[in-house]
Amino acid sequence: MYERILIGWNLAVFFLYGWDKHRAVSGGWRVPENVLLGAAFLLGGIGGAMGMIVWHHKTSKMRFRLLVPCFLLLTLSVMRGL
């Protein structure tokens, strides 16, 4: 059951990164960086990492390049323990 919740959350984080990238290109209200990082930290590391790769989003920001892979490892370690 928890696996499905984590999969759903990571999909939401993935699309949150994509939505913010769309807003960055088209203009308009953006998702704050702390929200994107917080979502990845709260076991959304897979979605955040995939969002960075697929959407090419926040890849030049050093905070994201360092923290999101750490959050990915955290998410994977928690999922492995389930």
N, C-alpha and C. Protein backbone atom coordinates (compact mmCIF):
# COMPACT_ATOMS: atom_id res chain seq x y z
N MET A 1 0.82 -1.19 0.00
CA MET A 1 0.00 0.00 0.00
C MET A 1 0.87 1.26 0.00
N TYR A 2 1.91 1.29 0.85
CA TYR A 2 2.76 2.46 0.92
C TYR A 2 3.51 2.69 -0.39
N GLU A 3 3.80 1.60 -1.09
CA GLU A 3 4.50 1.73 -2.36
C GLU A 3 3.66 2.54 -3.35
N ARG A 4 2.37 2.28 -3.38
CA ARG A 4 1.48 3.00 -4.30
C ARG A 4 1.39 4.48 -3.94
N ILE A 5 1.39 4.77 -2.65
CA ILE A 5 1.36 6.17 -2.22
C ILE A 5 2.64 6.87 -2.66
N LEU A 6 3.79 6.22 -2.46
CA LEU A 6 5.06 6.81 -2.87
C LEU A 6 5.16 6.97 -4.39
N ILE A 7 4.64 6.02 -5.12
CA ILE A 7 4.64 6.13 -6.58
C ILE A 7 3.77 7.32 -7.01
N GLY A 8 2.60 7.44 -6.42
CA GLY A 8 1.71 8.57 -6.73
C GLY A 8 2.34 9.90 -6.37
N TRP A 9 2.98 9.97 -5.21
CA TRP A 9 3.63 11.21 -4.79
C TRP A 9 4.76 11.57 -5.75
N ASN A 10 5.56 10.59 -6.15
CA ASN A 10 6.66 10.87 -7.06
C ASN A 10 6.16 11.30 -8.43
N LEU A 11 5.05 10.75 -8.88
CA LEU A 11 4.44 11.23 -10.12
C LEU A 11 3.99 12.68 -9.99
N ALA A 12 3.41 13.02 -8.82
CA ALA A 12 2.99 14.40 -8.58
C ALA A 12 4.18 15.34 -8.59
N VAL A 13 5.28 14.94 -7.96
CA VAL A 13 6.48 15.78 -7.93
C VAL A 13 7.06 15.92 -9.33
N PHE A 14 7.07 14.84 -10.10
CA PHE A 14 7.55 14.88 -11.48
C PHE A 14 6.77 15.91 -12.29
N PHE A 15 5.44 15.87 -12.18
CA PHE A 15 4.62 16.81 -12.94
C PHE A 15 4.69 18.22 -12.36
N LEU A 16 4.99 18.36 -11.07
CA LEU A 16 5.20 19.69 -10.49
C LEU A 16 6.43 20.34 -11.11
N TYR A 17 7.50 19.57 -11.28
CA TYR A 17 8.70 20.09 -11.95
C TYR A 17 8.38 20.44 -13.41
N GLY A 18 7.61 19.62 -14.07
CA GLY A 18 7.22 19.90 -15.45
C GLY A 18 6.35 21.13 -15.58
N TRP A 19 5.42 21.29 -14.64
CA TRP A 19 4.55 22.46 -14.67
C TRP A 19 5.35 23.72 -14.45
N ASP A 20 6.32 23.67 -13.50
CA ASP A 20 7.14 24.84 -13.25
C ASP A 20 8.01 25.16 -14.46
N LYS A 21 8.50 24.14 -15.14
CA LYS A 21 9.28 24.39 -16.35
C LYS A 21 8.41 25.05 -17.42
N HIS A 22 7.19 24.57 -17.57
CA HIS A 22 6.26 25.17 -18.53
C HIS A 22 6.02 26.64 -18.20
N ARG A 23 5.82 26.94 -16.92
CA ARG A 23 5.61 28.31 -16.49
C ARG A 23 6.86 29.16 -16.69
N ALA A 24 8.04 28.55 -16.56
CA ALA A 24 9.29 29.28 -16.77
C ALA A 24 9.42 29.70 -18.23
N VAL A 25 9.00 28.83 -19.13
CA VAL A 25 9.11 29.12 -20.56
C VAL A 25 8.03 30.09 -21.01
N SER A 26 6.80 29.88 -20.52
CA SER A 26 5.67 30.68 -21.00
C SER A 26 5.44 31.95 -20.19
N GLY A 27 6.05 32.05 -19.04
CA GLY A 27 5.84 33.21 -18.17
C GLY A 27 4.69 32.95 -17.24
N GLY A 28 4.67 33.69 -16.15
CA GLY A 28 3.59 33.52 -15.19
C GLY A 28 4.11 33.09 -13.84
N TRP A 29 3.18 32.74 -12.98
CA TRP A 29 3.49 32.38 -11.61
C TRP A 29 4.33 31.11 -11.58
N ARG A 30 5.38 31.11 -10.78
CA ARG A 30 6.30 29.98 -10.67
C ARG A 30 6.19 29.31 -9.31
N VAL A 31 6.56 28.05 -9.26
CA VAL A 31 6.64 27.33 -8.00
C VAL A 31 7.95 27.74 -7.32
N PRO A 32 7.91 28.15 -6.07
CA PRO A 32 9.15 28.53 -5.39
C PRO A 32 10.14 27.36 -5.32
N GLU A 33 11.43 27.67 -5.41
CA GLU A 33 12.46 26.64 -5.39
C GLU A 33 12.40 25.80 -4.11
N ASN A 34 12.10 26.45 -2.98
CA ASN A 34 12.02 25.70 -1.73
C ASN A 34 10.88 24.68 -1.74
N VAL A 35 9.82 24.98 -2.46
CA VAL A 35 8.71 24.03 -2.58
C VAL A 35 9.15 22.83 -3.43
N LEU A 36 9.85 23.10 -4.54
CA LEU A 36 10.34 22.01 -5.38
C LEU A 36 11.31 21.12 -4.61
N LEU A 37 12.24 21.74 -3.88
CA LEU A 37 13.19 20.95 -3.09
C LEU A 37 12.51 20.23 -1.94
N GLY A 38 11.56 20.90 -1.31
CA GLY A 38 10.83 20.27 -0.21
C GLY A 38 10.03 19.06 -0.67
N ALA A 39 9.41 19.17 -1.84
CA ALA A 39 8.65 18.03 -2.37
C ALA A 39 9.57 16.85 -2.67
N ALA A 40 10.76 17.14 -3.18
CA ALA A 40 11.73 16.08 -3.44
C ALA A 40 12.23 15.48 -2.13
N PHE A 41 12.45 16.31 -1.13
CA PHE A 41 12.92 15.84 0.17
C PHE A 41 11.90 14.93 0.84
N LEU A 42 10.64 15.27 0.72
CA LEU A 42 9.58 14.49 1.36
C LEU A 42 9.27 13.22 0.56
N LEU A 43 10.31 12.47 0.28
CA LEU A 43 10.27 11.17 -0.41
C LEU A 43 9.79 11.29 -1.85
N GLY A 44 10.03 12.43 -2.47
CA GLY A 44 9.73 12.64 -3.88
C GLY A 44 10.99 12.75 -4.71
N GLY A 45 12.07 12.15 -4.23
CA GLY A 45 13.36 12.25 -4.91
C GLY A 45 13.38 11.64 -6.30
N ILE A 46 12.63 10.58 -6.50
CA ILE A 46 12.58 9.96 -7.83
C ILE A 46 11.88 10.91 -8.80
N GLY A 47 10.76 11.46 -8.40
CA GLY A 47 10.03 12.40 -9.25
C GLY A 47 10.83 13.66 -9.52
N GLY A 48 11.53 14.16 -8.50
CA GLY A 48 12.35 15.35 -8.69
C GLY A 48 13.51 15.10 -9.64
N ALA A 49 14.19 13.97 -9.47
CA ALA A 49 15.31 13.64 -10.35
C ALA A 49 14.84 13.42 -11.78
N MET A 50 13.74 12.70 -11.93
CA MET A 50 13.21 12.47 -13.28
C MET A 50 12.71 13.78 -13.90
N GLY A 51 12.13 14.65 -13.08
CA GLY A 51 11.69 15.95 -13.58
C GLY A 51 12.85 16.79 -14.07
N MET A 52 13.96 16.73 -13.36
CA MET A 52 15.14 17.47 -13.79
C MET A 52 15.66 16.93 -15.12
N ILE A 53 15.64 15.61 -15.26
CA ILE A 53 16.19 14.98 -16.47
C ILE A 53 15.24 15.19 -17.66
N VAL A 54 13.99 14.82 -17.50
CA VAL A 54 13.03 14.85 -18.61
C VAL A 54 12.73 16.27 -19.05
N TRP A 55 12.47 17.15 -18.08
CA TRP A 55 12.08 18.52 -18.41
C TRP A 55 13.29 19.45 -18.56
N HIS A 56 14.50 18.94 -18.28
CA HIS A 56 15.71 19.78 -18.31
C HIS A 56 15.51 21.00 -17.43
N HIS A 57 15.03 20.75 -16.23
CA HIS A 57 14.63 21.85 -15.34
C HIS A 57 15.52 21.90 -14.12
N LYS A 58 16.03 23.09 -13.83
CA LYS A 58 16.86 23.39 -12.67
C LYS A 58 18.20 22.66 -12.71
N THR A 59 18.61 22.23 -13.87
CA THR A 59 19.87 21.48 -13.98
C THR A 59 21.09 22.38 -13.84
N SER A 60 20.95 23.67 -14.02
CA SER A 60 22.09 24.56 -13.86
C SER A 60 22.20 25.10 -12.43
N LYS A 61 21.21 24.84 -11.61
CA LYS A 61 21.23 25.30 -10.23
C LYS A 61 21.99 24.30 -9.36
N MET A 62 23.07 24.76 -8.73
CA MET A 62 23.92 23.86 -7.95
C MET A 62 23.16 23.23 -6.78
N ARG A 63 22.26 23.99 -6.14
CA ARG A 63 21.48 23.42 -5.03
C ARG A 63 20.71 22.19 -5.48
N PHE A 64 20.11 22.27 -6.66
CA PHE A 64 19.33 21.15 -7.17
C PHE A 64 20.24 20.00 -7.59
N ARG A 65 21.37 20.33 -8.21
CA ARG A 65 22.30 19.29 -8.67
C ARG A 65 22.90 18.51 -7.51
N LEU A 66 23.00 19.13 -6.34
CA LEU A 66 23.55 18.44 -5.17
C LEU A 66 22.46 17.78 -4.33
N LEU A 67 21.37 18.49 -4.09
CA LEU A 67 20.36 17.99 -3.15
C LEU A 67 19.43 16.94 -3.73
N VAL A 68 18.98 17.13 -4.96
CA VAL A 68 18.00 16.19 -5.51
C VAL A 68 18.56 14.76 -5.61
N PRO A 69 19.82 14.55 -6.02
CA PRO A 69 20.34 13.18 -5.98
C PRO A 69 20.39 12.60 -4.56
N CYS A 70 20.66 13.44 -3.55
CA CYS A 70 20.61 12.96 -2.17
C CYS A 70 19.20 12.55 -1.79
N PHE A 71 18.22 13.35 -2.21
CA PHE A 71 16.82 13.02 -1.93
C PHE A 71 16.39 11.77 -2.69
N LEU A 72 16.95 11.57 -3.87
CA LEU A 72 16.68 10.35 -4.63
C LEU A 72 17.16 9.13 -3.85
N LEU A 73 18.39 9.20 -3.32
CA LEU A 73 18.92 8.08 -2.53
C LEU A 73 18.10 7.86 -1.27
N LEU A 74 17.65 8.93 -0.63
CA LEU A 74 16.81 8.81 0.54
C LEU A 74 15.50 8.11 0.19
N THR A 75 14.89 8.51 -0.88
CA THR A 75 13.62 7.91 -1.31
C THR A 75 13.80 6.44 -1.63
N LEU A 76 14.86 6.11 -2.36
CA LEU A 76 15.11 4.71 -2.70
C LEU A 76 15.39 3.85 -1.47
N SER A 77 16.10 4.42 -0.51
CA SER A 77 16.40 3.65 0.70
C SER A 77 15.13 3.39 1.52
N VAL A 78 14.24 4.37 1.57
CA VAL A 78 12.98 4.18 2.27
C VAL A 78 12.12 3.16 1.54
N MET A 79 12.07 3.26 0.22
CA MET A 79 11.26 2.31 -0.56
C MET A 79 11.80 0.89 -0.42
N ARG A 80 13.11 0.77 -0.33
CA ARG A 80 13.70 -0.57 -0.17
C ARG A 80 13.32 -1.19 1.15
N GLY A 81 13.16 -0.34 2.16
CA GLY A 81 12.80 -0.84 3.48
C GLY A 81 11.34 -1.20 3.65
N LEU A 82 10.52 -0.83 2.70
CA LEU A 82 9.08 -1.12 2.82
C LEU A 82 8.77 -2.55 2.53
